[in-house]
PDB file of N, CA and C in Angstrom:
ATOM      1  N   MET A   1      -5.501  -6.063   9.106  1.00  0.00           N
ATOM      2  CA  MET A   1      -6.007  -4.791   9.425  1.00  0.00           C
ATOM      3  C   MET A   1      -7.602  -5.021   9.609  1.00  0.00           C
ATOM      4  N   SER A   2      -8.294  -4.066  10.092  1.00  0.00           N
ATOM      5  CA  SER A   2      -9.624  -4.176  10.192  1.00  0.00           C
ATOM      6  C   SER A   2     -10.182  -2.667  10.136  1.00  0.00           C
ATOM      7  N   GLY A   3     -11.577  -2.636  10.052  1.00  0.00           N
ATOM      8  CA  GLY A   3     -12.193  -1.276   9.988  1.00  0.00           C
ATOM      9  C   GLY A   3     -13.105  -1.434   8.734  1.00  0.00           C
ATOM     10  N   HIS A   4     -13.507  -0.254   8.177  1.00  0.00           N
ATOM     11  CA  HIS A   4     -14.417  -0.221   7.173  1.00  0.00           C
ATOM     12  C   HIS A   4     -13.589   0.262   5.948  1.00  0.00           C
ATOM     13  N   VAL A   5     -14.484   0.019   4.719  1.00  0.00           N
ATOM     14  CA  VAL A   5     -13.689   0.140   3.300  1.00  0.00           C
ATOM     15  C   VAL A   5     -13.989   1.809   2.842  1.00  0.00           C
ATOM     16  N   ASP A   6     -13.121   2.529   2.571  1.00  0.00           N
ATOM     17  CA  ASP A   6     -13.282   3.876   2.110  1.00  0.00           C
ATOM     18  C   ASP A   6     -13.084   3.743   0.548  1.00  0.00           C
ATOM     19  N   GLY A   7     -12.266   2.773  -0.032  1.00  0.00           N
ATOM     20  CA  GLY A   7     -12.067   2.774  -1.330  1.00  0.00           C
ATOM     21  C   GLY A   7     -11.504   1.630  -1.726  1.00  0.00           C
ATOM     22  N   VAL A   8     -11.149   1.410  -2.831  1.00  0.00           N
ATOM     23  CA  VAL A   8     -10.562   0.241  -3.444  1.00  0.00           C
ATOM     24  C   VAL A   8      -9.397   0.538  -4.215  1.00  0.00           C
ATOM     25  N   GLY A   9      -8.205   0.098  -4.067  1.00  0.00           N
ATOM     26  CA  GLY A   9      -6.744   0.371  -4.667  1.00  0.00           C
ATOM     27  C   GLY A   9      -6.572  -0.743  -5.663  1.00  0.00           C
ATOM     28  N   GLU A  10      -5.416  -0.498  -6.494  1.00  0.00           N
ATOM     29  CA  GLU A  10      -5.131  -1.498  -7.718  1.00  0.00           C
ATOM     30  C   GLU A  10      -3.664  -1.796  -7.323  1.00  0.00           C
ATOM     31  N   ILE A  11      -3.338  -2.965  -7.183  1.00  0.00           N
ATOM     32  CA  ILE A  11      -2.049  -3.372  -7.007  1.00  0.00           C
ATOM     33  C   ILE A  11      -1.087  -3.262  -8.399  1.00  0.00           C
ATOM     34  N   LEU A  12      -0.327  -2.239  -8.325  1.00  0.00           N
ATOM     35  CA  LEU A  12       0.639  -1.911  -9.613  1.00  0.00           C
ATOM     36  C   LEU A  12       1.969  -3.050  -9.632  1.00  0.00           C
ATOM     37  N   SER A  13       2.360  -3.339  -8.556  1.00  0.00           N
ATOM     38  CA  SER A  13       3.629  -4.354  -8.675  1.00  0.00           C
ATOM     39  C   SER A  13       3.947  -4.880  -7.134  1.00  0.00           C
ATOM     40  N   ILE A  14       4.409  -5.858  -7.317  1.00  0.00           N
ATOM     41  CA  ILE A  14       4.919  -6.684  -6.006  1.00  0.00           C
ATOM     42  C   ILE A  14       6.188  -7.053  -6.433  1.00  0.00           C
ATOM     43  N   ALA A  15       7.289  -6.800  -5.475  1.00  0.00           N
ATOM     44  CA  ALA A  15       8.754  -7.072  -6.048  1.00  0.00           C
ATOM     45  C   ALA A  15       9.492  -7.268  -4.880  1.00  0.00           C
ATOM     46  N   PRO A  16      10.397  -8.489  -4.680  1.00  0.00           N
ATOM     47  CA  PRO A  16      11.086  -8.640  -3.559  1.00  0.00           C
ATOM     48  C   PRO A  16      12.207  -7.721  -3.413  1.00  0.00           C
ATOM     49  N   VAL A  17      12.443  -7.056  -2.135  1.00  0.00           N
ATOM     50  CA  VAL A  17      13.662  -6.271  -2.076  1.00  0.00           C
ATOM     51  C   VAL A  17      14.429  -6.863  -0.867  1.00  0.00           C
ATOM     52  N   GLY A  18      15.623  -7.636  -1.022  1.00  0.00           N
ATOM     53  CA  GLY A  18      16.348  -8.366  -0.100  1.00  0.00           C
ATOM     54  C   GLY A  18      15.488  -9.220   0.613  1.00  0.00           C
ATOM     55  N   ARG A  19      15.051  -9.195   1.986  1.00  0.00           N
ATOM     56  CA  ARG A  19      14.163  -9.881   2.891  1.00  0.00           C
ATOM     57  C   ARG A  19      13.092  -9.512   3.007  1.00  0.00           C
ATOM     58  N   TYR A  20      12.501  -8.469   2.106  1.00  0.00           N
ATOM     59  CA  TYR A  20      11.355  -7.745   2.150  1.00  0.00           C
ATOM     60  C   TYR A  20      10.611  -8.044   0.866  1.00  0.00           C
ATOM     61  N   VAL A  21       9.264  -7.346   0.768  1.00  0.00           N
ATOM     62  CA  VAL A  21       8.619  -7.339  -0.360  1.00  0.00           C
ATOM     63  C   VAL A  21       8.027  -5.825  -0.722  1.00  0.00           C
ATOM     64  N   GLU A  22       8.251  -5.325  -1.629  1.00  0.00           N
ATOM     65  CA  GLU A  22       7.837  -3.886  -2.050  1.00  0.00           C
ATOM     66  C   GLU A  22       6.374  -4.164  -2.883  1.00  0.00           C
ATOM     67  N   ILE A  23       5.489  -3.232  -2.293  1.00  0.00           N
ATOM     68  CA  ILE A  23       4.166  -3.370  -2.930  1.00  0.00           C
ATOM     69  C   ILE A  23       3.698  -1.911  -3.336  1.00  0.00           C
ATOM     70  N   TRP A  24       3.484  -1.733  -4.581  1.00  0.00           N
ATOM     71  CA  TRP A  24       3.036  -0.292  -5.062  1.00  0.00           C
ATOM     72  C   TRP A  24       1.493  -0.299  -5.403  1.00  0.00           C
ATOM     73  N   ILE A  25       0.682   0.524  -4.731  1.00  0.00           N
ATOM     74  CA  ILE A  25      -0.758   0.421  -4.785  1.00  0.00           C
ATOM     75  C   ILE A  25      -1.109   1.813  -5.457  1.00  0.00           C
ATOM     76  N   LYS A  26      -2.040   1.758  -6.376  1.00  0.00           N
ATOM     77  CA  LYS A  26      -2.725   2.933  -6.741  1.00  0.00           C
ATOM     78  C   LYS A  26      -3.963   3.178  -6.245  1.00  0.00           C
ATOM     79  N   ALA A  27      -4.299   4.224  -5.654  1.00  0.00           N
ATOM     80  CA  ALA A  27      -5.408   4.536  -4.872  1.00  0.00           C
ATOM     81  C   ALA A  27      -6.319   5.751  -5.598  1.00  0.00           C
ATOM     82  N   PRO A  28      -7.360   5.670  -5.198  1.00  0.00           N
ATOM     83  CA  PRO A  28      -8.285   6.736  -5.757  1.00  0.00           C
ATOM     84  C   PRO A  28      -8.029   8.146  -5.270  1.00  0.00           C
ATOM     85  N   VAL A  29      -8.059   9.213  -6.099  1.00  0.00           N
ATOM     86  CA  VAL A  29      -7.554  10.542  -5.759  1.00  0.00           C
ATOM     87  C   VAL A  29      -8.622  10.997  -4.521  1.00  0.00           C
ATOM     88  N   GLN A  30      -9.726  10.475  -4.444  1.00  0.00           N
ATOM     89  CA  GLN A  30     -10.459  10.933  -3.430  1.00  0.00           C
ATOM     90  C   GLN A  30      -9.980  10.702  -1.890  1.00  0.00           C
ATOM     91  N   LEU A  31      -8.863   9.616  -1.885  1.00  0.00           N
ATOM     92  CA  LEU A  31      -8.432   9.045  -0.487  1.00  0.00           C
ATOM     93  C   LEU A  31      -6.982   9.829  -0.274  1.00  0.00           C
ATOM     94  N   ALA A  32      -6.516  10.472  -1.161  1.00  0.00           N
ATOM     95  CA  ALA A  32      -5.210  11.070  -1.255  1.00  0.00           C
ATOM     96  C   ALA A  32      -4.980  11.830   0.238  1.00  0.00           C
ATOM     97  N   LYS A  33      -5.995  12.580   0.658  1.00  0.00           N
ATOM     98  CA  LYS A  33      -5.684  13.268   1.990  1.00  0.00           C
ATOM     99  C   LYS A  33      -5.768  12.472   3.164  1.00  0.00           C
ATOM    100  N   TYR A  34      -5.959  11.109   2.877  1.00  0.00           N
ATOM    101  CA  TYR A  34      -5.937   9.994   4.105  1.00  0.00           C
ATOM    102  C   TYR A  34      -4.674   9.284   3.992  1.00  0.00           C
ATOM    103  N   LEU A  35      -3.929   9.452   2.973  1.00  0.00           N
ATOM    104  CA  LEU A  35      -2.611   8.611   2.716  1.00  0.00           C
ATOM    105  C   LEU A  35      -1.376   8.997   3.137  1.00  0.00           C
ATOM    106  N   ALA A  36      -0.473   8.422   3.571  1.00  0.00           N
ATOM    107  CA  ALA A  36       0.795   9.205   3.920  1.00  0.00           C
ATOM    108  C   ALA A  36       1.790   9.172   2.490  1.00  0.00           C
ATOM    109  N   GLU A  37       2.354  10.226   2.272  1.00  0.00           N
ATOM    110  CA  GLU A  37       3.204  10.230   1.091  1.00  0.00           C
ATOM    111  C   GLU A  37       4.246   8.941   1.021  1.00  0.00           C
ATOM    112  N   LYS A  38       4.945   8.935   2.095  1.00  0.00           N
ATOM    113  CA  LYS A  38       5.769   7.582   2.085  1.00  0.00           C
ATOM    114  C   LYS A  38       5.516   6.967   3.412  1.00  0.00           C
ATOM    115  N   ALA A  39       4.992   5.631   3.183  1.00  0.00           N
ATOM    116  CA  ALA A  39       4.751   5.055   4.552  1.00  0.00           C
ATOM    117  C   ALA A  39       5.600   3.608   4.105  1.00  0.00           C
ATOM    118  N   ARG A  40       5.770   3.043   5.290  1.00  0.00           N
ATOM    119  CA  ARG A  40       6.686   1.685   5.223  1.00  0.00           C
ATOM    120  C   ARG A  40       6.015   0.618   6.187  1.00  0.00           C
ATOM    121  N   ALA A  41       5.672  -0.448   5.806  1.00  0.00           N
ATOM    122  CA  ALA A  41       5.254  -1.528   6.578  1.00  0.00           C
ATOM    123  C   ALA A  41       6.246  -2.812   6.198  1.00  0.00           C
ATOM    124  N   ARG A  42       6.840  -3.390   7.253  1.00  0.00           N
ATOM    125  CA  ARG A  42       7.628  -4.511   6.740  1.00  0.00           C
ATOM    126  C   ARG A  42       7.220  -5.799   7.268  1.00  0.00           C
ATOM    127  N   TRP A  43       7.385  -6.824   6.553  1.00  0.00           N
ATOM    128  CA  TRP A  43       7.045  -8.252   6.909  1.00  0.00           C
ATOM    129  C   TRP A  43       8.233  -9.071   6.364  1.00  0.00           C
ATOM    130  N   MET A  44       8.667 -10.055   7.350  1.00  0.00           N
ATOM    131  CA  MET A  44       9.757 -10.819   6.871  1.00  0.00           C
ATOM    132  C   MET A  44       9.100 -11.887   5.878  1.00  0.00           C
ATOM    133  N   VAL A  45      10.195 -12.178   4.819  1.00  0.00           N
ATOM    134  CA  VAL A  45       9.727 -12.994   3.719  1.00  0.00           C
ATOM    135  C   VAL A  45      10.413 -14.225   4.020  1.00  0.00           C
TER     136      VAL A  45
END
């Protein structure tokens, strides 16, 4: 990724899900309007 930093999140968990990894991130409420309710990015493990 590239760009500027609008805020800092906290990694809540990282868990393997089949061939993928699920990552839950807590973000500041001020950034909520910029975040998708459900987003998916997949990388092969």
